[in-house]
Amino acid sequence: PGDVGRIVSRKPKDLWAVRLSIGTYLLDGKYFKALELE
């Protein structure tokens, strides 16, 4: 929790490919939220 990354692609059923500092992983949408940048 607290790791930041970027969405690379969207997969079916709320599954997202997310690029983190340690690699790109498929994560369900319930494990992350959009980061609000001010």
ModelCIF file with pLDDT and N, C-alpha, C, O atoms, coordinates in Angstrom:
data_MODEL
#
_entry.id   MODEL 
#
_entity.id                         1 
_entity.type                       polymer 
_entity.pdbx_number_of_molecules   1 
#
_entity_poly.entity_id                      1 
_entity_poly.type                           'polypeptide(L)' 
_entity_poly.nstd_linkage                   no 
_entity_poly.nstd_monomer                   no 
_entity_poly.pdbx_seq_one_letter_code       PGDVGRIVSRKPKDLWAVRLSIGTYLLDGKYFKALELE 
_entity_poly.pdbx_seq_one_letter_code_can   PGDVGRIVSRKPKDLWAVRLSIGTYLLDGKYFKALELE 
_entity_poly.pdbx_strand_id                 A 
#
loop_
_entity_poly_seq.entity_id 
_entity_poly_seq.num 
_entity_poly_seq.mon_id 
_entity_poly_seq.hetero 
1 1  PRO n 
1 2  GLY n 
1 3  ASP n 
1 4  VAL n 
1 5  GLY n 
1 6  ARG n 
1 7  ILE n 
1 8  VAL n 
1 9  SER n 
1 10 ARG n 
1 11 LYS n 
1 12 PRO n 
1 13 LYS n 
1 14 ASP n 
1 15 LEU n 
1 16 TRP n 
1 17 ALA n 
1 18 VAL n 
1 19 ARG n 
1 20 LEU n 
1 21 SER n 
1 22 ILE n 
1 23 GLY n 
1 24 THR n 
1 25 TYR n 
1 26 LEU n 
1 27 LEU n 
1 28 ASP n 
1 29 GLY n 
1 30 LYS n 
1 31 TYR n 
1 32 PHE n 
1 33 LYS n 
1 34 ALA n 
1 35 LEU n 
1 36 GLU n 
1 37 LEU n 
1 38 GLU n 
#
_struct_asym.id          A 
_struct_asym.entity_id   1 
#
loop_
_ma_qa_metric.id 
_ma_qa_metric.mode 
_ma_qa_metric.name 
_ma_qa_metric.software_group_id 
_ma_qa_metric.type 
1 global pLDDT . pLDDT 
2 local  pLDDT . pLDDT 
#
_ma_qa_metric_global.metric_id      1 
_ma_qa_metric_global.metric_value   89.71 
_ma_qa_metric_global.model_id       1 
_ma_qa_metric_global.ordinal_id     1 
#
loop_
_ma_qa_metric_local.label_asym_id 
_ma_qa_metric_local.label_comp_id 
_ma_qa_metric_local.label_seq_id 
_ma_qa_metric_local.metric_id 
_ma_qa_metric_local.metric_value 
_ma_qa_metric_local.model_id 
_ma_qa_metric_local.ordinal_id 
A PRO 1  2 92.00 1 1  
A GLY 2  2 91.00 1 2  
A ASP 3  2 91.00 1 3  
A VAL 4  2 92.00 1 4  
A GLY 5  2 93.00 1 5  
A ARG 6  2 94.00 1 6  
A ILE 7  2 93.00 1 7  
A VAL 8  2 93.00 1 8  
A SER 9  2 91.00 1 9  
A ARG 10 2 89.00 1 10 
A LYS 11 2 88.00 1 11 
A PRO 12 2 87.00 1 12 
A LYS 13 2 88.00 1 13 
A ASP 14 2 85.00 1 14 
A LEU 15 2 89.00 1 15 
A TRP 16 2 92.00 1 16 
A ALA 17 2 93.00 1 17 
A VAL 18 2 93.00 1 18 
A ARG 19 2 94.00 1 19 
A LEU 20 2 92.00 1 20 
A SER 21 2 91.00 1 21 
A ILE 22 2 91.00 1 22 
A GLY 23 2 91.00 1 23 
A THR 24 2 93.00 1 24 
A TYR 25 2 93.00 1 25 
A LEU 26 2 92.00 1 26 
A LEU 27 2 92.00 1 27 
A ASP 28 2 91.00 1 28 
A GLY 29 2 89.00 1 29 
A LYS 30 2 91.00 1 30 
A TYR 31 2 92.00 1 31 
A PHE 32 2 92.00 1 32 
A LYS 33 2 90.00 1 33 
A ALA 34 2 88.00 1 34 
A LEU 35 2 84.00 1 35 
A GLU 36 2 82.00 1 36 
A LEU 37 2 73.00 1 37 
A GLU 38 2 74.00 1 38 
#
loop_
_atom_site.group_PDB 
_atom_site.id 
_atom_site.type_symbol 
_atom_site.label_atom_id 
_atom_site.label_alt_id 
_atom_site.label_comp_id 
_atom_site.label_asym_id 
_atom_site.label_entity_id 
_atom_site.label_seq_id 
_atom_site.pdbx_PDB_ins_code 
_atom_site.Cartn_x 
_atom_site.Cartn_y 
_atom_site.Cartn_z 
_atom_site.occupancy 
_atom_site.B_iso_or_equiv 
_atom_site.pdbx_formal_charge 
_atom_site.auth_seq_id 
_atom_site.auth_comp_id 
_atom_site.auth_asym_id 
_atom_site.auth_atom_id 
_atom_site.pdbx_PDB_model_num 
ATOM 1   N N  . PRO A 1 1  ? 0.841   -1.202 0.000   1.00 92.00 ? 1  PRO A N  1 
ATOM 2   C CA . PRO A 1 1  ? 0.000   0.000  0.000   1.00 92.00 ? 1  PRO A CA 1 
ATOM 3   C C  . PRO A 1 1  ? 0.873   1.247  0.000   1.00 92.00 ? 1  PRO A C  1 
ATOM 4   O O  . PRO A 1 1  ? 1.862   1.321  0.728   1.00 92.00 ? 1  PRO A O  1 
ATOM 5   N N  . GLY A 1 2  ? 0.503   2.219  -0.815  1.00 91.00 ? 2  GLY A N  1 
ATOM 6   C CA . GLY A 1 2  ? 1.287   3.448  -0.922  1.00 91.00 ? 2  GLY A CA 1 
ATOM 7   C C  . GLY A 1 2  ? 2.170   3.483  -2.153  1.00 91.00 ? 2  GLY A C  1 
ATOM 8   O O  . GLY A 1 2  ? 2.664   4.547  -2.525  1.00 91.00 ? 2  GLY A O  1 
ATOM 9   N N  . ASP A 1 3  ? 2.382   2.334  -2.798  1.00 91.00 ? 3  ASP A N  1 
ATOM 10  C CA . ASP A 1 3  ? 3.161   2.326  -4.050  1.00 91.00 ? 3  ASP A CA 1 
ATOM 11  C C  . ASP A 1 3  ? 2.392   3.080  -5.128  1.00 91.00 ? 3  ASP A C  1 
ATOM 12  O O  . ASP A 1 3  ? 1.165   3.017  -5.192  1.00 91.00 ? 3  ASP A O  1 
ATOM 13  N N  . VAL A 1 4  ? 3.122   3.785  -5.960  1.00 92.00 ? 4  VAL A N  1 
ATOM 14  C CA . VAL A 1 4  ? 2.496   4.528  -7.060  1.00 92.00 ? 4  VAL A CA 1 
ATOM 15  C C  . VAL A 1 4  ? 2.935   3.930  -8.387  1.00 92.00 ? 4  VAL A C  1 
ATOM 16  O O  . VAL A 1 4  ? 4.011   3.343  -8.504  1.00 92.00 ? 4  VAL A O  1 
ATOM 17  N N  . GLY A 1 5  ? 2.083   4.092  -9.370  1.00 93.00 ? 5  GLY A N  1 
ATOM 18  C CA . GLY A 1 5  ? 2.377   3.583  -10.701 1.00 93.00 ? 5  GLY A CA 1 
ATOM 19  C C  . GLY A 1 5  ? 1.501   4.249  -11.741 1.00 93.00 ? 5  GLY A C  1 
ATOM 20  O O  . GLY A 1 5  ? 0.807   5.226  -11.460 1.00 93.00 ? 5  GLY A O  1 
ATOM 21  N N  . ARG A 1 6  ? 1.545   3.704  -12.952 1.00 94.00 ? 6  ARG A N  1 
ATOM 22  C CA . ARG A 1 6  ? 0.764   4.238  -14.056 1.00 94.00 ? 6  ARG A CA 1 
ATOM 23  C C  . ARG A 1 6  ? 0.034   3.117  -14.766 1.00 94.00 ? 6  ARG A C  1 
ATOM 24  O O  . ARG A 1 6  ? 0.556   2.011  -14.902 1.00 94.00 ? 6  ARG A O  1 
ATOM 25  N N  . ILE A 1 7  ? -1.188  3.410  -15.222 1.00 93.00 ? 7  ILE A N  1 
ATOM 26  C CA . ILE A 1 7  ? -1.974  2.422  -15.953 1.00 93.00 ? 7  ILE A CA 1 
ATOM 27  C C  . ILE A 1 7  ? -1.425  2.295  -17.363 1.00 93.00 ? 7  ILE A C  1 
ATOM 28  O O  . ILE A 1 7  ? -1.255  3.289  -18.069 1.00 93.00 ? 7  ILE A O  1 
ATOM 29  N N  . VAL A 1 8  ? -1.150  1.055  -17.763 1.00 93.00 ? 8  VAL A N  1 
ATOM 30  C CA . VAL A 1 8  ? -0.613  0.781  -19.100 1.00 93.00 ? 8  VAL A CA 1 
ATOM 31  C C  . VAL A 1 8  ? -1.740  0.378  -20.049 1.00 93.00 ? 8  VAL A C  1 
ATOM 32  O O  . VAL A 1 8  ? -1.777  0.826  -21.195 1.00 93.00 ? 8  VAL A O  1 
ATOM 33  N N  . SER A 1 9  ? -2.666  -0.475 -19.573 1.00 91.00 ? 9  SER A N  1 
ATOM 34  C CA . SER A 1 9  ? -3.788  -0.889 -20.420 1.00 91.00 ? 9  SER A CA 1 
ATOM 35  C C  . SER A 1 9  ? -4.939  -1.383 -19.554 1.00 91.00 ? 9  SER A C  1 
ATOM 36  O O  . SER A 1 9  ? -4.788  -1.657 -18.363 1.00 91.00 ? 9  SER A O  1 
ATOM 37  N N  . ARG A 1 10 ? -6.096  -1.487 -20.206 1.00 89.00 ? 10 ARG A N  1 
ATOM 38  C CA . ARG A 1 10 ? -7.312  -1.968 -19.533 1.00 89.00 ? 10 ARG A CA 1 
ATOM 39  C C  . ARG A 1 10 ? -7.635  -3.362 -20.034 1.00 89.00 ? 10 ARG A C  1 
ATOM 40  O O  . ARG A 1 10 ? -7.568  -3.621 -21.236 1.00 89.00 ? 10 ARG A O  1 
ATOM 41  N N  . LYS A 1 11 ? -7.980  -4.249 -19.138 1.00 88.00 ? 11 LYS A N  1 
ATOM 42  C CA . LYS A 1 11 ? -8.378  -5.615 -19.469 1.00 88.00 ? 11 LYS A CA 1 
ATOM 43  C C  . LYS A 1 11 ? -9.848  -5.791 -19.071 1.00 88.00 ? 11 LYS A C  1 
ATOM 44  O O  . LYS A 1 11 ? -10.393 -4.938 -18.370 1.00 88.00 ? 11 LYS A O  1 
ATOM 45  N N  . PRO A 1 12 ? -10.496 -6.867 -19.498 1.00 87.00 ? 12 PRO A N  1 
ATOM 46  C CA . PRO A 1 12 ? -11.903 -7.082 -19.125 1.00 87.00 ? 12 PRO A CA 1 
ATOM 47  C C  . PRO A 1 12 ? -12.086 -7.268 -17.618 1.00 87.00 ? 12 PRO A C  1 
ATOM 48  O O  . PRO A 1 12 ? -11.172 -7.683 -16.905 1.00 87.00 ? 12 PRO A O  1 
ATOM 49  N N  . LYS A 1 13 ? -13.292 -6.949 -17.160 1.00 88.00 ? 13 LYS A N  1 
ATOM 50  C CA . LYS A 1 13 ? -13.721 -7.155 -15.769 1.00 88.00 ? 13 LYS A CA 1 
ATOM 51  C C  . LYS A 1 13 ? -12.886 -6.394 -14.751 1.00 88.00 ? 13 LYS A C  1 
ATOM 52  O O  . LYS A 1 13 ? -12.410 -6.985 -13.781 1.00 88.00 ? 13 LYS A O  1 
ATOM 53  N N  . ASP A 1 14 ? -12.702 -5.124 -14.948 1.00 85.00 ? 14 ASP A N  1 
ATOM 54  C CA . ASP A 1 14 ? -12.012 -4.242 -13.996 1.00 85.00 ? 14 ASP A CA 1 
ATOM 55  C C  . ASP A 1 14 ? -10.609 -4.726 -13.658 1.00 85.00 ? 14 ASP A C  1 
ATOM 56  O O  . ASP A 1 14 ? -10.167 -4.621 -12.514 1.00 85.00 ? 14 ASP A O  1 
ATOM 57  N N  . LEU A 1 15 ? -9.924  -5.247 -14.637 1.00 89.00 ? 15 LEU A N  1 
ATOM 58  C CA . LEU A 1 15 ? -8.533  -5.675 -14.484 1.00 89.00 ? 15 LEU A CA 1 
ATOM 59  C C  . LEU A 1 15 ? -7.669  -4.693 -15.271 1.00 89.00 ? 15 LEU A C  1 
ATOM 60  O O  . LEU A 1 15 ? -7.985  -4.361 -16.413 1.00 89.00 ? 15 LEU A O  1 
ATOM 61  N N  . TRP A 1 16 ? -6.601  -4.241 -14.671 1.00 92.00 ? 16 TRP A N  1 
ATOM 62  C CA . TRP A 1 16 ? -5.754  -3.214 -15.277 1.00 92.00 ? 16 TRP A CA 1 
ATOM 63  C C  . TRP A 1 16 ? -4.301  -3.667 -15.269 1.00 92.00 ? 16 TRP A C  1 
ATOM 64  O O  . TRP A 1 16 ? -3.847  -4.303 -14.318 1.00 92.00 ? 16 TRP A O  1 
ATOM 65  N N  . ALA A 1 17 ? -3.581  -3.338 -16.324 1.00 93.00 ? 17 ALA A N  1 
ATOM 66  C CA . ALA A 1 17 ? -2.134  -3.544 -16.359 1.00 93.00 ? 17 ALA A CA 1 
ATOM 67  C C  . ALA A 1 17 ? -1.511  -2.261 -15.803 1.00 93.00 ? 17 ALA A C  1 
ATOM 68  O O  . ALA A 1 17 ? -1.682  -1.178 -16.363 1.00 93.00 ? 17 ALA A O  1 
ATOM 69  N N  . VAL A 1 18 ? -0.791  -2.407 -14.699 1.00 93.00 ? 18 VAL A N  1 
ATOM 70  C CA . VAL A 1 18 ? -0.233  -1.253 -13.989 1.00 93.00 ? 18 VAL A CA 1 
ATOM 71  C C  . VAL A 1 18 ? 1.283   -1.361 -13.966 1.00 93.00 ? 18 VAL A C  1 
ATOM 72  O O  . VAL A 1 18 ? 1.836   -2.383 -13.561 1.00 93.00 ? 18 VAL A O  1 
ATOM 73  N N  . ARG A 1 19 ? 1.951   -0.300 -14.403 1.00 94.00 ? 19 ARG A N  1 
ATOM 74  C CA . ARG A 1 19 ? 3.414   -0.239 -14.387 1.00 94.00 ? 19 ARG A CA 1 
ATOM 75  C C  . ARG A 1 19 ? 3.855   0.345  -13.052 1.00 94.00 ? 19 ARG A C  1 
ATOM 76  O O  . ARG A 1 19 ? 3.599   1.511  -12.751 1.00 94.00 ? 19 ARG A O  1 
ATOM 77  N N  . LEU A 1 20 ? 4.523   -0.488 -12.259 1.00 92.00 ? 20 LEU A N  1 
ATOM 78  C CA . LEU A 1 20 ? 5.082   -0.061 -10.978 1.00 92.00 ? 20 LEU A CA 1 
ATOM 79  C C  . LEU A 1 20 ? 6.597   0.005  -11.105 1.00 92.00 ? 20 LEU A C  1 
ATOM 80  O O  . LEU A 1 20 ? 7.137   -0.326 -12.161 1.00 92.00 ? 20 LEU A O  1 
ATOM 81  N N  . SER A 1 21 ? 7.289   0.422  -10.060 1.00 91.00 ? 21 SER A N  1 
ATOM 82  C CA . SER A 1 21 ? 8.749   0.526  -10.116 1.00 91.00 ? 21 SER A CA 1 
ATOM 83  C C  . SER A 1 21 ? 9.405   -0.853 -10.234 1.00 91.00 ? 21 SER A C  1 
ATOM 84  O O  . SER A 1 21 ? 10.538  -0.954 -10.705 1.00 91.00 ? 21 SER A O  1 
ATOM 85  N N  . ILE A 1 22 ? 8.707   -1.920 -9.812  1.00 91.00 ? 22 ILE A N  1 
ATOM 86  C CA . ILE A 1 22 ? 9.293   -3.262 -9.853  1.00 91.00 ? 22 ILE A CA 1 
ATOM 87  C C  . ILE A 1 22 ? 8.864   -4.068 -11.077 1.00 91.00 ? 22 ILE A C  1 
ATOM 88  O O  . ILE A 1 22 ? 9.309   -5.201 -11.256 1.00 91.00 ? 22 ILE A O  1 
ATOM 89  N N  . GLY A 1 23 ? 8.008   -3.497 -11.916 1.00 91.00 ? 23 GLY A N  1 
ATOM 90  C CA . GLY A 1 23 ? 7.554   -4.201 -13.109 1.00 91.00 ? 23 GLY A CA 1 
ATOM 91  C C  . GLY A 1 23 ? 6.093   -3.906 -13.420 1.00 91.00 ? 23 GLY A C  1 
ATOM 92  O O  . GLY A 1 23 ? 5.457   -3.107 -12.732 1.00 91.00 ? 23 GLY A O  1 
ATOM 93  N N  . THR A 1 24 ? 5.563   -4.546 -14.452 1.00 93.00 ? 24 THR A N  1 
ATOM 94  C CA . THR A 1 24 ? 4.177   -4.351 -14.860 1.00 93.00 ? 24 THR A CA 1 
ATOM 95  C C  . THR A 1 24 ? 3.353   -5.556 -14.412 1.00 93.00 ? 24 THR A C  1 
ATOM 96  O O  . THR A 1 24 ? 3.694   -6.701 -14.709 1.00 93.00 ? 24 THR A O  1 
ATOM 97  N N  . TYR A 1 25 ? 2.261   -5.281 -13.689 1.00 93.00 ? 25 TYR A N  1 
ATOM 98  C CA . TYR A 1 25 ? 1.427   -6.333 -13.116 1.00 93.00 ? 25 TYR A CA 1 
ATOM 99  C C  . TYR A 1 25 ? -0.031  -6.105 -13.459 1.00 93.00 ? 25 TYR A C  1 
ATOM 100 O O  . TYR A 1 25 ? -0.458  -4.973 -13.686 1.00 93.00 ? 25 TYR A O  1 
ATOM 101 N N  . LEU A 1 26 ? -0.797  -7.196 -13.496 1.00 92.00 ? 26 LEU A N  1 
ATOM 102 C CA . LEU A 1 26 ? -2.241  -7.118 -13.687 1.00 92.00 ? 26 LEU A CA 1 
ATOM 103 C C  . LEU A 1 26 ? -2.889  -7.030 -12.312 1.00 92.00 ? 26 LEU A C  1 
ATOM 104 O O  . LEU A 1 26 ? -2.739  -7.934 -11.490 1.00 92.00 ? 26 LEU A O  1 
ATOM 105 N N  . LEU A 1 27 ? -3.608  -5.940 -12.066 1.00 92.00 ? 27 LEU A N  1 
ATOM 106 C CA . LEU A 1 27 ? -4.227  -5.721 -10.761 1.00 92.00 ? 27 LEU A CA 1 
ATOM 107 C C  . LEU A 1 27 ? -5.716  -5.444 -10.923 1.00 92.00 ? 27 LEU A C  1 
ATOM 108 O O  . LEU A 1 27 ? -6.139  -4.788 -11.875 1.00 92.00 ? 27 LEU A O  1 
ATOM 109 N N  . ASP A 1 28 ? -6.498  -5.949 -9.985  1.00 91.00 ? 28 ASP A N  1 
ATOM 110 C CA . ASP A 1 28 ? -7.924  -5.666 -9.939  1.00 91.00 ? 28 ASP A CA 1 
ATOM 111 C C  . ASP A 1 28 ? -8.115  -4.219 -9.483  1.00 91.00 ? 28 ASP A C  1 
ATOM 112 O O  . ASP A 1 28 ? -7.305  -3.691 -8.721  1.00 91.00 ? 28 ASP A O  1 
ATOM 113 N N  . GLY A 1 29 ? -9.180  -3.590 -9.947  1.00 89.00 ? 29 GLY A N  1 
ATOM 114 C CA . GLY A 1 29 ? -9.428  -2.189 -9.626  1.00 89.00 ? 29 GLY A CA 1 
ATOM 115 C C  . GLY A 1 29 ? -9.669  -1.903 -8.171  1.00 89.00 ? 29 GLY A C  1 
ATOM 116 O O  . GLY A 1 29 ? -9.570  -0.748 -7.757  1.00 89.00 ? 29 GLY A O  1 
ATOM 117 N N  . LYS A 1 30 ? -9.988  -2.922 -7.359  1.00 91.00 ? 30 LYS A N  1 
ATOM 118 C CA . LYS A 1 30 ? -10.239 -2.678 -5.938  1.00 91.00 ? 30 LYS A CA 1 
ATOM 119 C C  . LYS A 1 30 ? -8.963  -2.462 -5.145  1.00 91.00 ? 30 LYS A C  1 
ATOM 120 O O  . LYS A 1 30 ? -9.025  -2.022 -3.997  1.00 91.00 ? 30 LYS A O  1 
ATOM 121 N N  . TYR A 1 31 ? -7.811  -2.759 -5.725  1.00 92.00 ? 31 TYR A N  1 
ATOM 122 C CA . TYR A 1 31 ? -6.546  -2.623 -5.009  1.00 92.00 ? 31 TYR A CA 1 
ATOM 123 C C  . TYR A 1 31 ? -5.882  -1.262 -5.178  1.00 92.00 ? 31 TYR A C  1 
ATOM 124 O O  . TYR A 1 31 ? -4.877  -0.990 -4.521  1.00 92.00 ? 31 TYR A O  1 
ATOM 125 N N  . PHE A 1 32 ? -6.417  -0.398 -6.044  1.00 92.00 ? 32 PHE A N  1 
ATOM 126 C CA . PHE A 1 32 ? -5.801  0.910  -6.232  1.00 92.00 ? 32 PHE A CA 1 
ATOM 127 C C  . PHE A 1 32 ? -6.871  1.948  -6.538  1.00 92.00 ? 32 PHE A C  1 
ATOM 128 O O  . PHE A 1 32 ? -8.021  1.613  -6.821  1.00 92.00 ? 32 PHE A O  1 
ATOM 129 N N  . LYS A 1 33 ? -6.470  3.210  -6.477  1.00 90.00 ? 33 LYS A N  1 
ATOM 130 C CA . LYS A 1 33 ? -7.358  4.313  -6.841  1.00 90.00 ? 33 LYS A CA 1 
ATOM 131 C C  . LYS A 1 33 ? -6.554  5.346  -7.616  1.00 90.00 ? 33 LYS A C  1 
ATOM 132 O O  . LYS A 1 33 ? -5.323  5.338  -7.601  1.00 90.00 ? 33 LYS A O  1 
ATOM 133 N N  . ALA A 1 34 ? -7.266  6.226  -8.286  1.00 88.00 ? 34 ALA A N  1 
ATOM 134 C CA . ALA A 1 34 ? -6.604  7.269  -9.067  1.00 88.00 ? 34 ALA A CA 1 
ATOM 135 C C  . ALA A 1 34 ? -5.857  8.205  -8.122  1.00 88.00 ? 34 ALA A C  1 
ATOM 136 O O  . ALA A 1 34 ? -6.361  8.557  -7.055  1.00 88.00 ? 34 ALA A O  1 
ATOM 137 N N  . LEU A 1 35 ? -4.678  8.595  -8.515  1.00 84.00 ? 35 LEU A N  1 
ATOM 138 C CA . LEU A 1 35 ? -3.862  9.502  -7.705  1.00 84.00 ? 35 LEU A CA 1 
ATOM 139 C C  . LEU A 1 35 ? -4.214  10.931 -8.105  1.00 84.00 ? 35 LEU A C  1 
ATOM 140 O O  . LEU A 1 35 ? -4.102  11.306 -9.273  1.00 84.00 ? 35 LEU A O  1 
ATOM 141 N N  . GLU A 1 36 ? -4.635  11.714 -7.132  1.00 82.00 ? 36 GLU A N  1 
ATOM 142 C CA . GLU A 1 36 ? -4.995  13.112 -7.384  1.00 82.00 ? 36 GLU A CA 1 
ATOM 143 C C  . GLU A 1 36 ? -3.725  13.958 -7.327  1.00 82.00 ? 36 GLU A C  1 
ATOM 144 O O  . GLU A 1 36 ? -3.117  14.097 -6.266  1.00 82.00 ? 36 GLU A O  1 
ATOM 145 N N  . LEU A 1 37 ? -3.334  14.510 -8.443  1.00 73.00 ? 37 LEU A N  1 
ATOM 146 C CA . LEU A 1 37 ? -2.152  15.370 -8.507  1.00 73.00 ? 37 LEU A CA 1 
ATOM 147 C C  . LEU A 1 37 ? -2.585  16.819 -8.445  1.00 73.00 ? 37 LEU A C  1 
ATOM 148 O O  . LEU A 1 37 ? -3.406  17.253 -9.253  1.00 73.00 ? 37 LEU A O  1 
ATOM 149 N N  . GLU A 1 38 ? -2.049  17.573 -7.502  1.00 74.00 ? 38 GLU A N  1 
ATOM 150 C CA . GLU A 1 38 ? -2.358  18.993 -7.393  1.00 74.00 ? 38 GLU A CA 1 
ATOM 151 C C  . GLU A 1 38 ? -1.264  19.782 -8.060  1.00 74.00 ? 38 GLU A C  1 
ATOM 152 O O  . GLU A 1 38 ? -1.319  21.012 -8.088  1.00 74.00 ? 38 GLU A O  1 
#
